Amino acid sequence: MQLRTWLYLKDVVKYGDQALEFAGSLGTDEMRYLAIERMLFIVGEAVTASILRESDVQDLLTNTIDIRKFRNLLAHGYFKVDRSQVIKILREDLPTLIREAASIPEPSDD
């Protein structure tokens, strides 16, 4: 794996962790919710960029098609995004994605 691809996956972990941290006290805070949406967009963008660089990344992560579709929804169909959809992703999908991305070792200089 190329270093740039691995760095995209580290962004998945970084922004995914931040989204989960923000979600811990989400309540009805609109600014917090919008920040979470932005972090999920970055996660989706990082997944997409890593797959475009190296297509075998999609074999290392689950639900890459859904992740990329949700990123596109946030970018182009934001008015269709439902808050319950975001909460479901935070609870059910994001923790797995973070674990998978974090488990990929840093590439060696070989």
C-alpha atoms as a PDB file:
ATOM      1  CA  MET A   1       0.000   0.000   0.000  1.00  0.00           C
ATOM      2  CA  GLN A   2       1.216   3.468  -0.841  1.00  0.00           C
ATOM      3  CA  LEU A   3       1.792   5.941   1.975  1.00  0.00           C
ATOM      4  CA  ARG A   4      -0.778   8.432   0.590  1.00  0.00           C
ATOM      5  CA  THR A   5      -3.467   5.728   0.573  1.00  0.00           C
ATOM      6  CA  TRP A   6      -2.639   4.792   4.158  1.00  0.00           C
ATOM      7  CA  LEU A   7      -2.827   8.460   5.171  1.00  0.00           C
ATOM      8  CA  TYR A   8      -6.345   8.658   3.746  1.00  0.00           C
ATOM      9  CA  LEU A   9      -7.250   5.683   5.931  1.00  0.00           C
ATOM     10  CA  LYS A  10      -5.785   7.454   8.949  1.00  0.00           C
ATOM     11  CA  ASP A  11      -8.158  10.339   8.142  1.00  0.00           C
ATOM     12  CA  VAL A  12     -11.017   7.832   8.272  1.00  0.00           C
ATOM     13  CA  VAL A  13      -9.936   6.976  11.816  1.00  0.00           C
ATOM     14  CA  LYS A  14      -9.315  10.582  12.877  1.00  0.00           C
ATOM     15  CA  TYR A  15     -12.558  12.088  11.602  1.00  0.00           C
ATOM     16  CA  GLY A  16     -14.583   8.993  12.427  1.00  0.00           C
ATOM     17  CA  ASP A  17     -13.388   9.137  16.032  1.00  0.00           C
ATOM     18  CA  GLN A  18     -14.204  12.855  16.185  1.00  0.00           C
ATOM     19  CA  ALA A  19     -17.714  12.232  14.845  1.00  0.00           C
ATOM     20  CA  LEU A  20     -18.302   9.593  17.518  1.00  0.00           C
ATOM     21  CA  GLU A  21     -16.938  11.900  20.209  1.00  0.00           C
ATOM     22  CA  PHE A  22     -19.249  14.732  19.105  1.00  0.00           C
ATOM     23  CA  ALA A  23     -22.192  12.342  18.952  1.00  0.00           C
ATOM     24  CA  GLY A  24     -21.783  11.453  22.617  1.00  0.00           C
ATOM     25  CA  SER A  25     -23.589  14.613  23.643  1.00  0.00           C
ATOM     26  CA  LEU A  26     -25.493  15.385  20.449  1.00  0.00           C
ATOM     27  CA  GLY A  27     -28.958  16.110  21.817  1.00  0.00           C
ATOM     28  CA  THR A  28     -30.587  18.793  19.676  1.00  0.00           C
ATOM     29  CA  ASP A  29     -27.438  20.861  19.122  1.00  0.00           C
ATOM     30  CA  GLU A  30     -27.653  21.791  15.434  1.00  0.00           C
ATOM     31  CA  MET A  31     -24.051  22.999  15.161  1.00  0.00           C
ATOM     32  CA  ARG A  32     -22.784  19.725  16.624  1.00  0.00           C
ATOM     33  CA  TYR A  33     -24.991  17.755  14.230  1.00  0.00           C
ATOM     34  CA  LEU A  34     -23.720  19.718  11.223  1.00  0.00           C
ATOM     35  CA  ALA A  35     -20.127  19.157  12.379  1.00  0.00           C
ATOM     36  CA  ILE A  36     -20.827  15.418  12.527  1.00  0.00           C
ATOM     37  CA  GLU A  37     -22.230  15.501   8.994  1.00  0.00           C
ATOM     38  CA  ARG A  38     -19.064  17.271   7.839  1.00  0.00           C
ATOM     39  CA  MET A  39     -16.877  14.655   9.523  1.00  0.00           C
ATOM     40  CA  LEU A  40     -18.877  11.859   7.886  1.00  0.00           C
ATOM     41  CA  PHE A  41     -18.402  13.616   4.544  1.00  0.00           C
ATOM     42  CA  ILE A  42     -14.630  13.666   5.108  1.00  0.00           C
ATOM     43  CA  VAL A  43     -14.687   9.983   6.072  1.00  0.00           C
ATOM     44  CA  GLY A  44     -16.544   9.194   2.850  1.00  0.00           C
ATOM     45  CA  GLU A  45     -14.170  11.318   0.815  1.00  0.00           C
ATOM     46  CA  ALA A  46     -11.137   9.615   2.375  1.00  0.00           C
ATOM     47  CA  VAL A  47     -12.587   6.153   1.672  1.00  0.00           C
ATOM     48  CA  THR A  48     -13.304   7.172  -1.924  1.00  0.00           C
ATOM     49  CA  ALA A  49      -9.845   8.656  -2.440  1.00  0.00           C
ATOM     50  CA  SER A  50      -8.115   5.594  -1.007  1.00  0.00           C
ATOM     51  CA  ILE A  51     -10.099   3.261  -3.289  1.00  0.00           C
ATOM     52  CA  LEU A  52      -9.414   5.422  -6.337  1.00  0.00           C
ATOM     53  CA  ARG A  53      -5.691   5.244  -5.534  1.00  0.00           C
ATOM     54  CA  GLU A  54      -5.712   1.505  -4.817  1.00  0.00           C
ATOM     55  CA  SER A  55      -8.834  -0.459  -5.639  1.00  0.00           C
ATOM     56  CA  ASP A  56      -7.935  -3.370  -3.333  1.00  0.00           C
ATOM     57  CA  VAL A  57      -8.677  -1.127  -0.347  1.00  0.00           C
ATOM     58  CA  GLN A  58     -12.350  -1.937  -0.875  1.00  0.00           C
ATOM     59  CA  ASP A  59     -11.523  -5.531   0.110  1.00  0.00           C
ATOM     60  CA  LEU A  60     -10.159  -4.328   3.474  1.00  0.00           C
ATOM     61  CA  LEU A  61     -13.212  -2.270   4.484  1.00  0.00           C
ATOM     62  CA  THR A  62     -16.872  -3.256   4.722  1.00  0.00           C
ATOM     63  CA  ASN A  63     -19.722  -1.288   3.176  1.00  0.00           C
ATOM     64  CA  THR A  64     -17.513   0.840   0.934  1.00  0.00           C
ATOM     65  CA  ILE A  65     -20.292   1.221  -1.644  1.00  0.00           C
ATOM     66  CA  ASP A  66     -22.728   2.489   1.017  1.00  0.00           C
ATOM     67  CA  ILE A  67     -20.064   4.785   2.476  1.00  0.00           C
ATOM     68  CA  ARG A  68     -19.418   6.336  -0.928  1.00  0.00           C
ATOM     69  CA  LYS A  69     -23.146   6.670  -1.643  1.00  0.00           C
ATOM     70  CA  PHE A  70     -23.693   8.446   1.665  1.00  0.00           C
ATOM     71  CA  ARG A  71     -20.808  10.820   0.931  1.00  0.00           C
ATOM     72  CA  ASN A  72     -22.477  11.654  -2.395  1.00  0.00           C
ATOM     73  CA  LEU A  73     -25.804  12.143  -0.641  1.00  0.00           C
ATOM     74  CA  LEU A  74     -24.204  14.607   1.784  1.00  0.00           C
ATOM     75  CA  ALA A  75     -22.631  16.486  -1.118  1.00  0.00           C
ATOM     76  CA  HIS A  76     -25.428  16.483  -3.663  1.00  0.00           C
ATOM     77  CA  GLY A  77     -28.627  15.472  -1.896  1.00  0.00           C
ATOM     78  CA  TYR A  78     -28.090  17.047   1.511  1.00  0.00           C
ATOM     79  CA  PHE A  79     -31.774  17.945   1.680  1.00  0.00           C
ATOM     80  CA  LYS A  80     -32.594  14.211   1.687  1.00  0.00           C
ATOM     81  CA  VAL A  81     -30.355  13.361   4.653  1.00  0.00           C
ATOM     82  CA  ASP A  82     -32.398  12.193   7.604  1.00  0.00           C
ATOM     83  CA  ARG A  83     -31.079  12.676  11.145  1.00  0.00           C
ATOM     84  CA  SER A  84     -31.999   9.079  12.038  1.00  0.00           C
ATOM     85  CA  GLN A  85     -29.855   7.900   9.125  1.00  0.00           C
ATOM     86  CA  VAL A  86     -26.856   9.754  10.551  1.00  0.00           C
ATOM     87  CA  ILE A  87     -27.482   8.316  14.037  1.00  0.00           C
ATOM     88  CA  LYS A  88     -27.698   4.795  12.583  1.00  0.00           C
ATOM     89  CA  ILE A  89     -24.373   5.258  10.804  1.00  0.00           C
ATOM     90  CA  LEU A  90     -22.767   6.543  14.001  1.00  0.00           C
ATOM     91  CA  ARG A  91     -24.037   3.625  16.073  1.00  0.00           C
ATOM     92  CA  GLU A  92     -23.883   0.718  13.643  1.00  0.00           C
ATOM     93  CA  ASP A  93     -21.443   1.381  10.816  1.00  0.00           C
ATOM     94  CA  LEU A  94     -18.794   3.886  11.814  1.00  0.00           C
ATOM     95  CA  PRO A  95     -17.231   1.932  14.717  1.00  0.00           C
ATOM     96  CA  THR A  96     -16.575  -1.048  12.410  1.00  0.00           C
ATOM     97  CA  LEU A  97     -15.103   1.160   9.703  1.00  0.00           C
ATOM     98  CA  ILE A  98     -12.800   2.856  12.209  1.00  0.00           C
ATOM     99  CA  ARG A  99     -11.578  -0.505  13.555  1.00  0.00           C
ATOM    100  CA  GLU A 100     -10.921  -1.817  10.050  1.00  0.00           C
ATOM    101  CA  ALA A 101      -9.058   1.297   8.911  1.00  0.00           C
ATOM    102  CA  ALA A 102      -7.032   1.459  12.141  1.00  0.00           C
ATOM    103  CA  SER A 103      -5.943  -2.172  11.751  1.00  0.00           C
ATOM    104  CA  ILE A 104      -4.174  -1.530   8.443  1.00  0.00           C
ATOM    105  CA  PRO A 105      -0.453  -1.276   9.141  1.00  0.00           C
ATOM    106  CA  GLU A 106       1.632   1.634   7.993  1.00  0.00           C
ATOM    107  CA  PRO A 107       3.423   0.749   4.737  1.00  0.00           C
ATOM    108  CA  SER A 108       7.122   0.081   4.948  1.00  0.00           C
ATOM    109  CA  ASP A 109       9.715   1.908   2.872  1.00  0.00           C
ATOM    110  CA  ASP A 110      10.603  -1.271   0.981  1.00  0.00           C
END
